[in-house]
Amino acid sequence: MLTPTTHRFLDANALADELAAHVSQCLLDTLQYQTHATLAVSGGRSPIAFFRNLSERALPWHAIAVTLVDDRCVPNTHDDSNALLVRTHLLRDQAARARFLPPIDWSGDGIAPTPEALADQATHALSALGGADVVVLGMGADGHTASLFPQAPQLLRGMDLQAAKGYLAMSPQTAPHERVSLNLAAILGASHVCVAIGGGAEKHAVYEQAQAVTSLTYPVSYVLRRSGTRPQVSVWLHD
């Protein structure tokens, strides 16, 4: 098992700035040996400062595709849509030139597509890109990452490293909305994985436990304690 590189900060803004610089360099490194790079980001409120900082970076955004680690099965105008969050806070300024391929981009018209159909479509689109190169994850207070929730009935499928890399439908038992999420194989298939963890004693305690033992109780532990030399995993914490 390789230990992730850990970066600690006193406040969220400092973390956002340094994480944006790190992700920018990872994307530039990727573009040294291929013509395009794919960045998969997470939703929620915590990444907003990171998104805004990254959006101002002078990167070759025309060669970068942006997608999401996961999203809720809601219309793309819904307040809970991660696609809406990315369009609002990341795909602006310099990053307005990036190509956006969200796993869920349903307008709300007509019959709602099933989570399984959405996952299949998203997997096909990601495969056409060659998979994600740089992945930015979060971590919930229950140890979930992406939408790989501890109590979800599809968790074992999501954590199967022998599965084809892509998305799957997830049904969280402790959070609203059906989801579509990258599986563990797709996450660990990236070159660089960053895990950003917000402040608070509860999350820090969960992080310490997940770092100590690989367990389905804490799905993020499979990222923190991955074996092999790929991907390069870094953890970003603020106190």
C-alpha atoms as a PDB file:
ATOM      1  CA  MET A   1       0.000   0.000   0.000  1.00  0.00           C
ATOM      2  CA  LEU A   2       1.253   3.462  -0.899  1.00  0.00           C
ATOM      3  CA  THR A   3       0.596   6.353   1.471  1.00  0.00           C
ATOM      4  CA  PRO A   4      -1.083   9.359  -0.183  1.00  0.00           C
ATOM      5  CA  THR A   5       0.671  12.708  -0.203  1.00  0.00           C
ATOM      6  CA  THR A   6      -1.115  14.835   2.411  1.00  0.00           C
ATOM      7  CA  HIS A   7      -1.511  18.613   2.344  1.00  0.00           C
ATOM      8  CA  ARG A   8      -2.994  20.435   5.363  1.00  0.00           C
ATOM      9  CA  PHE A   9      -4.246  24.025   5.465  1.00  0.00           C
ATOM     10  CA  LEU A  10      -5.600  26.354   8.099  1.00  0.00           C
ATOM     11  CA  ASP A  11      -8.478  27.564   5.953  1.00  0.00           C
ATOM     12  CA  ALA A  12     -10.578  26.532   2.965  1.00  0.00           C
ATOM     13  CA  ASN A  13      -9.444  29.362   0.670  1.00  0.00           C
ATOM     14  CA  ALA A  14      -5.782  28.407   0.995  1.00  0.00           C
ATOM     15  CA  LEU A  15      -6.709  24.805   0.198  1.00  0.00           C
ATOM     16  CA  ALA A  16      -8.732  25.878  -2.854  1.00  0.00           C
ATOM     17  CA  ASP A  17      -5.816  27.907  -4.217  1.00  0.00           C
ATOM     18  CA  GLU A  18      -3.204  25.182  -3.781  1.00  0.00           C
ATOM     19  CA  LEU A  19      -5.524  22.430  -5.028  1.00  0.00           C
ATOM     20  CA  ALA A  20      -6.286  24.470  -8.161  1.00  0.00           C
ATOM     21  CA  ALA A  21      -2.555  24.926  -8.753  1.00  0.00           C
ATOM     22  CA  HIS A  22      -1.963  21.183  -8.289  1.00  0.00           C
ATOM     23  CA  VAL A  23      -4.811  20.138 -10.596  1.00  0.00           C
ATOM     24  CA  SER A  24      -3.609  22.635 -13.208  1.00  0.00           C
ATOM     25  CA  GLN A  25      -0.159  21.069 -13.156  1.00  0.00           C
ATOM     26  CA  CYS A  26      -1.607  17.556 -13.377  1.00  0.00           C
ATOM     27  CA  LEU A  27      -3.575  18.575 -16.474  1.00  0.00           C
ATOM     28  CA  LEU A  28      -0.498  20.173 -18.046  1.00  0.00           C
ATOM     29  CA  ASP A  29       1.542  17.053 -17.285  1.00  0.00           C
ATOM     30  CA  THR A  30      -1.125  14.916 -18.959  1.00  0.00           C
ATOM     31  CA  LEU A  31      -1.107  17.125 -22.054  1.00  0.00           C
ATOM     32  CA  GLN A  32       2.632  16.572 -22.403  1.00  0.00           C
ATOM     33  CA  TYR A  33       1.985  13.047 -23.676  1.00  0.00           C
ATOM     34  CA  GLN A  34      -1.535  13.139 -25.101  1.00  0.00           C
ATOM     35  CA  THR A  35      -3.586  15.618 -27.117  1.00  0.00           C
ATOM     36  CA  HIS A  36      -6.419  16.010 -24.621  1.00  0.00           C
ATOM     37  CA  ALA A  37      -7.059  15.580 -20.910  1.00  0.00           C
ATOM     38  CA  THR A  38     -10.217  14.716 -18.990  1.00  0.00           C
ATOM     39  CA  LEU A  39     -10.918  16.199 -15.571  1.00  0.00           C
ATOM     40  CA  ALA A  40     -13.640  14.671 -13.371  1.00  0.00           C
ATOM     41  CA  VAL A  41     -14.774  16.827 -10.455  1.00  0.00           C
ATOM     42  CA  SER A  42     -17.144  16.393  -7.533  1.00  0.00           C
ATOM     43  CA  GLY A  43     -20.152  18.483  -6.559  1.00  0.00           C
ATOM     44  CA  GLY A  44     -21.434  19.870  -3.295  1.00  0.00           C
ATOM     45  CA  ARG A  45     -20.804  23.291  -1.807  1.00  0.00           C
ATOM     46  CA  SER A  46     -17.227  22.736  -0.650  1.00  0.00           C
ATOM     47  CA  PRO A  47     -15.635  22.794  -4.157  1.00  0.00           C
ATOM     48  CA  ILE A  48     -17.038  26.205  -5.182  1.00  0.00           C
ATOM     49  CA  ALA A  49     -13.934  28.163  -4.152  1.00  0.00           C
ATOM     50  CA  PHE A  50     -11.748  25.567  -5.905  1.00  0.00           C
ATOM     51  CA  PHE A  51     -13.887  25.793  -9.074  1.00  0.00           C
ATOM     52  CA  ARG A  52     -13.676  29.575  -9.207  1.00  0.00           C
ATOM     53  CA  ASN A  53      -9.924  29.526  -8.646  1.00  0.00           C
ATOM     54  CA  LEU A  54      -9.380  26.860 -11.302  1.00  0.00           C
ATOM     55  CA  SER A  55     -11.595  28.694 -13.797  1.00  0.00           C
ATOM     56  CA  GLU A  56      -9.153  31.619 -13.797  1.00  0.00           C
ATOM     57  CA  ARG A  57      -6.094  29.494 -14.608  1.00  0.00           C
ATOM     58  CA  ALA A  58      -4.563  30.074 -18.045  1.00  0.00           C
ATOM     59  CA  LEU A  59      -4.681  26.459 -19.210  1.00  0.00           C
ATOM     60  CA  PRO A  60      -5.196  25.099 -22.743  1.00  0.00           C
ATOM     61  CA  TRP A  61      -8.880  24.608 -21.898  1.00  0.00           C
ATOM     62  CA  HIS A  62      -9.738  23.847 -25.530  1.00  0.00           C
ATOM     63  CA  ALA A  63      -7.885  20.535 -25.020  1.00  0.00           C
ATOM     64  CA  ILE A  64      -9.575  19.726 -21.696  1.00  0.00           C
ATOM     65  CA  ALA A  65     -12.875  17.918 -21.191  1.00  0.00           C
ATOM     66  CA  VAL A  66     -14.681  18.297 -17.878  1.00  0.00           C
ATOM     67  CA  THR A  67     -17.047  15.729 -16.444  1.00  0.00           C
ATOM     68  CA  LEU A  68     -18.416  14.831 -13.026  1.00  0.00           C
ATOM     69  CA  VAL A  69     -17.466  12.099 -10.616  1.00  0.00           C
ATOM     70  CA  ASP A  70     -21.165  11.721  -9.810  1.00  0.00           C
ATOM     71  CA  ASP A  71     -24.483  13.481 -10.015  1.00  0.00           C
ATOM     72  CA  ARG A  72     -28.026  13.238  -8.741  1.00  0.00           C
ATOM     73  CA  CYS A  73     -30.772  12.078 -11.101  1.00  0.00           C
ATOM     74  CA  VAL A  74     -32.475  15.466 -11.304  1.00  0.00           C
ATOM     75  CA  PRO A  75     -33.007  17.973 -14.148  1.00  0.00           C
ATOM     76  CA  ASN A  76     -29.978  20.077 -15.015  1.00  0.00           C
ATOM     77  CA  THR A  77     -31.737  23.204 -13.711  1.00  0.00           C
ATOM     78  CA  HIS A  78     -32.409  21.682 -10.271  1.00  0.00           C
ATOM     79  CA  ASP A  79     -30.619  23.195  -7.273  1.00  0.00           C
ATOM     80  CA  ASP A  80     -29.199  19.741  -6.443  1.00  0.00           C
ATOM     81  CA  SER A  81     -27.691  19.237  -9.909  1.00  0.00           C
ATOM     82  CA  ASN A  82     -23.911  19.003  -9.870  1.00  0.00           C
ATOM     83  CA  ALA A  83     -23.949  19.810 -13.590  1.00  0.00           C
ATOM     84  CA  LEU A  84     -25.601  23.148 -12.791  1.00  0.00           C
ATOM     85  CA  LEU A  85     -22.977  23.777 -10.103  1.00  0.00           C
ATOM     86  CA  VAL A  86     -20.115  23.178 -12.551  1.00  0.00           C
ATOM     87  CA  ARG A  87     -21.697  25.318 -15.265  1.00  0.00           C
ATOM     88  CA  THR A  88     -22.157  28.152 -12.771  1.00  0.00           C
ATOM     89  CA  HIS A  89     -18.822  28.114 -10.951  1.00  0.00           C
ATOM     90  CA  LEU A  90     -16.224  26.322 -13.110  1.00  0.00           C
ATOM     91  CA  LEU A  91     -17.122  26.763 -16.781  1.00  0.00           C
ATOM     92  CA  ARG A  92     -16.488  30.506 -16.768  1.00  0.00           C
ATOM     93  CA  ASP A  93     -13.584  32.891 -17.320  1.00  0.00           C
ATOM     94  CA  GLN A  94     -10.674  30.940 -18.852  1.00  0.00           C
ATOM     95  CA  ALA A  95     -12.423  27.583 -18.346  1.00  0.00           C
ATOM     96  CA  ALA A  96     -15.397  28.628 -20.499  1.00  0.00           C
ATOM     97  CA  ARG A  97     -13.469  27.072 -23.416  1.00  0.00           C
ATOM     98  CA  ALA A  98     -13.487  23.601 -21.881  1.00  0.00           C
ATOM     99  CA  ARG A  99     -15.709  20.854 -23.259  1.00  0.00           C
ATOM    100  CA  PHE A 100     -18.329  19.763 -20.724  1.00  0.00           C
ATOM    101  CA  LEU A 101     -19.679  16.205 -20.763  1.00  0.00           C
ATOM    102  CA  PRO A 102     -21.812  15.766 -17.641  1.00  0.00           C
ATOM    103  CA  PRO A 103     -23.010  12.233 -16.836  1.00  0.00           C
ATOM    104  CA  ILE A 104     -26.539  13.595 -16.428  1.00  0.00           C
ATOM    105  CA  ASP A 105     -27.804  16.368 -18.689  1.00  0.00           C
ATOM    106  CA  TRP A 106     -31.566  15.884 -18.595  1.00  0.00           C
ATOM    107  CA  SER A 107     -33.632  19.042 -19.079  1.00  0.00           C
ATOM    108  CA  GLY A 108     -36.645  17.707 -17.200  1.00  0.00           C
ATOM    109  CA  ASP A 109     -38.773  17.372 -20.330  1.00  0.00           C
ATOM    110  CA  GLY A 110     -40.556  14.133 -21.101  1.00  0.00           C
ATOM    111  CA  ILE A 111     -40.212  10.886 -19.191  1.00  0.00           C
ATOM    112  CA  ALA A 112     -37.262  10.813 -16.821  1.00  0.00           C
ATOM    113  CA  PRO A 113     -34.529   8.428 -17.986  1.00  0.00           C
ATOM    114  CA  THR A 114     -33.717   5.607 -15.589  1.00  0.00           C
ATOM    115  CA  PRO A 115     -30.513   5.835 -13.547  1.00  0.00           C
ATOM    116  CA  GLU A 116     -29.281   2.713 -15.309  1.00  0.00           C
ATOM    117  CA  ALA A 117     -29.815   4.283 -18.735  1.00  0.00           C
ATOM    118  CA  LEU A 118     -28.044   7.457 -17.623  1.00  0.00           C
ATOM    119  CA  ALA A 119     -25.123   5.413 -16.285  1.00  0.00           C
ATOM    120  CA  ASP A 120     -24.814   3.509 -19.567  1.00  0.00           C
ATOM    121  CA  GLN A 121     -24.812   6.736 -21.597  1.00  0.00           C
ATOM    122  CA  ALA A 122     -22.246   8.334 -19.302  1.00  0.00           C
ATOM    123  CA  THR A 123     -19.996   5.255 -19.479  1.00  0.00           C
ATOM    124  CA  HIS A 124     -20.088   5.337 -23.270  1.00  0.00           C
ATOM    125  CA  ALA A 125     -19.152   9.049 -23.323  1.00  0.00           C
ATOM    126  CA  LEU A 126     -16.318   8.549 -20.830  1.00  0.00           C
ATOM    127  CA  SER A 127     -14.957   5.568 -22.765  1.00  0.00           C
ATOM    128  CA  ALA A 128     -14.876   7.681 -25.923  1.00  0.00           C
ATOM    129  CA  LEU A 129     -12.619  10.107 -24.054  1.00  0.00           C
ATOM    130  CA  GLY A 130     -10.331   7.304 -22.925  1.00  0.00           C
ATOM    131  CA  GLY A 131     -11.374   7.582 -19.273  1.00  0.00           C
ATOM    132  CA  ALA A 132     -10.669  10.254 -16.673  1.00  0.00           C
ATOM    133  CA  ASP A 133      -7.089  11.491 -16.304  1.00  0.00           C
ATOM    134  CA  VAL A 134      -7.457  13.709 -13.231  1.00  0.00           C
ATOM    135  CA  VAL A 135     -10.137  13.020 -10.606  1.00  0.00           C
ATOM    136  CA  VAL A 136     -11.065  15.329  -7.737  1.00  0.00           C
ATOM    137  CA  LEU A 137     -13.042  13.562  -5.009  1.00  0.00           C
ATOM    138  CA  GLY A 138     -14.676  14.668  -1.802  1.00  0.00           C
ATOM    139  CA  MET A 139     -15.471  12.649   1.299  1.00  0.00           C
ATOM    140  CA  GLY A 140     -18.669  12.573   3.306  1.00  0.00           C
ATOM    141  CA  ALA A 141     -18.908  12.259   7.066  1.00  0.00           C
ATOM    142  CA  ASP A 142     -19.981   8.627   6.550  1.00  0.00           C
ATOM    143  CA  GLY A 143     -16.833   7.816   4.554  1.00  0.00           C
ATOM    144  CA  HIS A 144     -18.468   7.842   1.125  1.00  0.00           C
ATOM    145  CA  THR A 145     -16.715   9.249  -1.888  1.00  0.00           C
ATOM    146  CA  ALA A 146     -18.259   9.962  -5.279  1.00  0.00           C
ATOM    147  CA  SER A 147     -21.713   8.375  -4.714  1.00  0.00           C
ATOM    148  CA  LEU A 148     -20.212   5.152  -3.381  1.00  0.00           C
ATOM    149  CA  PHE A 149     -22.267   5.176  -0.177  1.00  0.00           C
ATOM    150  CA  PRO A 150     -21.681   2.565   2.550  1.00  0.00           C
ATOM    151  CA  GLN A 151     -25.325   1.454   2.692  1.00  0.00           C
ATOM    152  CA  ALA A 152     -26.132   1.515  -1.032  1.00  0.00           C
ATOM    153  CA  PRO A 153     -27.298  -1.855  -2.418  1.00  0.00           C
ATOM    154  CA  GLN A 154     -25.029  -1.428  -5.467  1.00  0.00           C
ATOM    155  CA  LEU A 155     -21.892  -0.763  -3.410  1.00  0.00           C
ATOM    156  CA  LEU A 156     -20.188  -4.098  -4.058  1.00  0.00           C
ATOM    157  CA  ARG A 157     -20.580  -3.638  -7.804  1.00  0.00           C
ATOM    158  CA  GLY A 158     -19.238  -0.129  -7.518  1.00  0.00           C
ATOM    159  CA  MET A 159     -16.141  -1.289  -5.651  1.00  0.00           C
ATOM    160  CA  ASP A 160     -15.341  -4.213  -7.982  1.00  0.00           C
ATOM    161  CA  LEU A 161     -11.948  -3.511  -9.527  1.00  0.00           C
ATOM    162  CA  GLN A 162     -12.580  -6.210 -12.151  1.00  0.00           C
ATOM    163  CA  ALA A 163     -15.582  -4.264 -13.499  1.00  0.00           C
ATOM    164  CA  ALA A 164     -15.355  -2.227 -16.676  1.00  0.00           C
ATOM    165  CA  LYS A 165     -14.390   1.365 -15.943  1.00  0.00           C
ATOM    166  CA  GLY A 166     -17.380   3.652 -16.015  1.00  0.00           C
ATOM    167  CA  TYR A 167     -20.505   4.791 -14.210  1.00  0.00           C
ATOM    168  CA  LEU A 168     -23.206   2.893 -12.400  1.00  0.00           C
ATOM    169  CA  ALA A 169     -26.559   3.726 -10.851  1.00  0.00           C
ATOM    170  CA  MET A 170     -26.476   4.148  -7.077  1.00  0.00           C
ATOM    171  CA  SER A 171     -29.317   4.279  -4.551  1.00  0.00           C
ATOM    172  CA  PRO A 172     -28.073   5.965  -1.346  1.00  0.00           C
ATOM    173  CA  GLN A 173     -29.953   4.952   1.784  1.00  0.00           C
ATOM    174  CA  THR A 174     -28.835   8.031   3.714  1.00  0.00           C
ATOM    175  CA  ALA A 175     -29.049  10.811   1.100  1.00  0.00           C
ATOM    176  CA  PRO A 176     -31.729  12.106  -1.279  1.00  0.00           C
ATOM    177  CA  HIS A 177     -32.051  11.251  -4.985  1.00  0.00           C
ATOM    178  CA  GLU A 178     -30.924   8.331  -7.075  1.00  0.00           C
ATOM    179  CA  ARG A 179     -27.386   8.880  -8.341  1.00  0.00           C
ATOM    180  CA  VAL A 180     -24.999   8.056 -11.160  1.00  0.00           C
ATOM    181  CA  SER A 181     -21.413   7.569  -9.996  1.00  0.00           C
ATOM    182  CA  LEU A 182     -18.003   6.580 -11.264  1.00  0.00           C
ATOM    183  CA  ASN A 183     -17.069   3.123 -10.063  1.00  0.00           C
ATOM    184  CA  LEU A 184     -13.828   2.441  -8.204  1.00  0.00           C
ATOM    185  CA  ALA A 185     -12.193   0.955 -11.307  1.00  0.00           C
ATOM    186  CA  ALA A 186     -12.720   4.235 -13.196  1.00  0.00           C
ATOM    187  CA  ILE A 187     -11.488   6.333 -10.278  1.00  0.00           C
ATOM    188  CA  LEU A 188      -8.313   4.310  -9.817  1.00  0.00           C
ATOM    189  CA  GLY A 189      -7.824   4.211 -13.590  1.00  0.00           C
ATOM    190  CA  ALA A 190      -6.928   7.909 -13.548  1.00  0.00           C
ATOM    191  CA  SER A 191      -3.352   9.165 -13.417  1.00  0.00           C
ATOM    192  CA  HIS A 192      -4.013  11.596 -10.562  1.00  0.00           C
ATOM    193  CA  VAL A 193      -6.634  11.448  -7.813  1.00  0.00           C
ATOM    194  CA  CYS A 194      -7.105  14.267  -5.309  1.00  0.00           C
ATOM    195  CA  VAL A 195      -9.281  13.782  -2.214  1.00  0.00           C
ATOM    196  CA  ALA A 196     -10.418  17.106  -0.729  1.00  0.00           C
ATOM    197  CA  ILE A 197     -11.728  16.854   2.838  1.00  0.00           C
ATOM    198  CA  GLY A 198     -13.415  19.730   4.621  1.00  0.00           C
ATOM    199  CA  GLY A 199     -12.792  20.836   8.150  1.00  0.00           C
ATOM    200  CA  GLY A 200     -14.416  19.551  11.303  1.00  0.00           C
ATOM    201  CA  ALA A 201     -13.516  16.938  13.875  1.00  0.00           C
ATOM    202  CA  GLU A 202     -16.085  14.440  12.584  1.00  0.00           C
ATOM    203  CA  LYS A 203     -14.687  14.297   9.056  1.00  0.00           C
ATOM    204  CA  HIS A 204     -11.112  14.239  10.279  1.00  0.00           C
ATOM    205  CA  ALA A 205     -11.907  11.286  12.553  1.00  0.00           C
ATOM    206  CA  VAL A 206     -13.482   9.399   9.644  1.00  0.00           C
ATOM    207  CA  TYR A 207     -10.457  10.175   7.479  1.00  0.00           C
ATOM    208  CA  GLU A 208      -8.106   8.769  10.121  1.00  0.00           C
ATOM    209  CA  GLN A 209     -10.147   5.562  10.333  1.00  0.00           C
ATOM    210  CA  ALA A 210     -10.365   5.210   6.548  1.00  0.00           C
ATOM    211  CA  GLN A 211      -6.624   5.704   6.261  1.00  0.00           C
ATOM    212  CA  ALA A 212      -5.997   2.988   8.834  1.00  0.00           C
ATOM    213  CA  VAL A 213      -8.070   0.125   7.411  1.00  0.00           C
ATOM    214  CA  THR A 214      -9.616  -0.819   4.076  1.00  0.00           C
ATOM    215  CA  SER A 215     -13.296  -1.393   4.739  1.00  0.00           C
ATOM    216  CA  LEU A 216     -16.631  -1.080   2.936  1.00  0.00           C
ATOM    217  CA  THR A 217     -17.724   0.868   6.001  1.00  0.00           C
ATOM    218  CA  TYR A 218     -15.569   3.671   4.580  1.00  0.00           C
ATOM    219  CA  PRO A 219     -15.552   3.392   0.761  1.00  0.00           C
ATOM    220  CA  VAL A 220     -13.003   6.203   0.514  1.00  0.00           C
ATOM    221  CA  SER A 221     -10.512   3.861   2.197  1.00  0.00           C
ATOM    222  CA  TYR A 222     -10.162   1.953  -1.105  1.00  0.00           C
ATOM    223  CA  VAL A 223      -8.768   5.136  -2.652  1.00  0.00           C
ATOM    224  CA  LEU A 224      -6.600   6.168   0.285  1.00  0.00           C
ATOM    225  CA  ARG A 225      -5.120   2.677   0.651  1.00  0.00           C
ATOM    226  CA  ARG A 226      -4.864   1.635  -2.997  1.00  0.00           C
ATOM    227  CA  SER A 227      -2.075  -0.709  -4.025  1.00  0.00           C
ATOM    228  CA  GLY A 228       0.248  -0.221  -6.975  1.00  0.00           C
ATOM    229  CA  THR A 229       1.930   2.885  -8.297  1.00  0.00           C
ATOM    230  CA  ARG A 230      -1.117   4.342 -10.070  1.00  0.00           C
ATOM    231  CA  PRO A 231      -2.850   6.598  -9.592  1.00  0.00           C
ATOM    232  CA  GLN A 232      -0.922   9.242  -7.716  1.00  0.00           C
ATOM    233  CA  VAL A 233      -3.221  10.027  -4.772  1.00  0.00           C
ATOM    234  CA  SER A 234      -3.081  13.235  -2.766  1.00  0.00           C
ATOM    235  CA  VAL A 235      -5.210  14.301   0.200  1.00  0.00           C
ATOM    236  CA  TRP A 236      -6.152  17.933   0.815  1.00  0.00           C
ATOM    237  CA  LEU A 237      -7.341  18.788   4.342  1.00  0.00           C
ATOM    238  CA  HIS A 238      -8.192  21.985   6.115  1.00  0.00           C
ATOM    239  CA  ASP A 239      -8.381  22.269   9.897  1.00  0.00           C
END
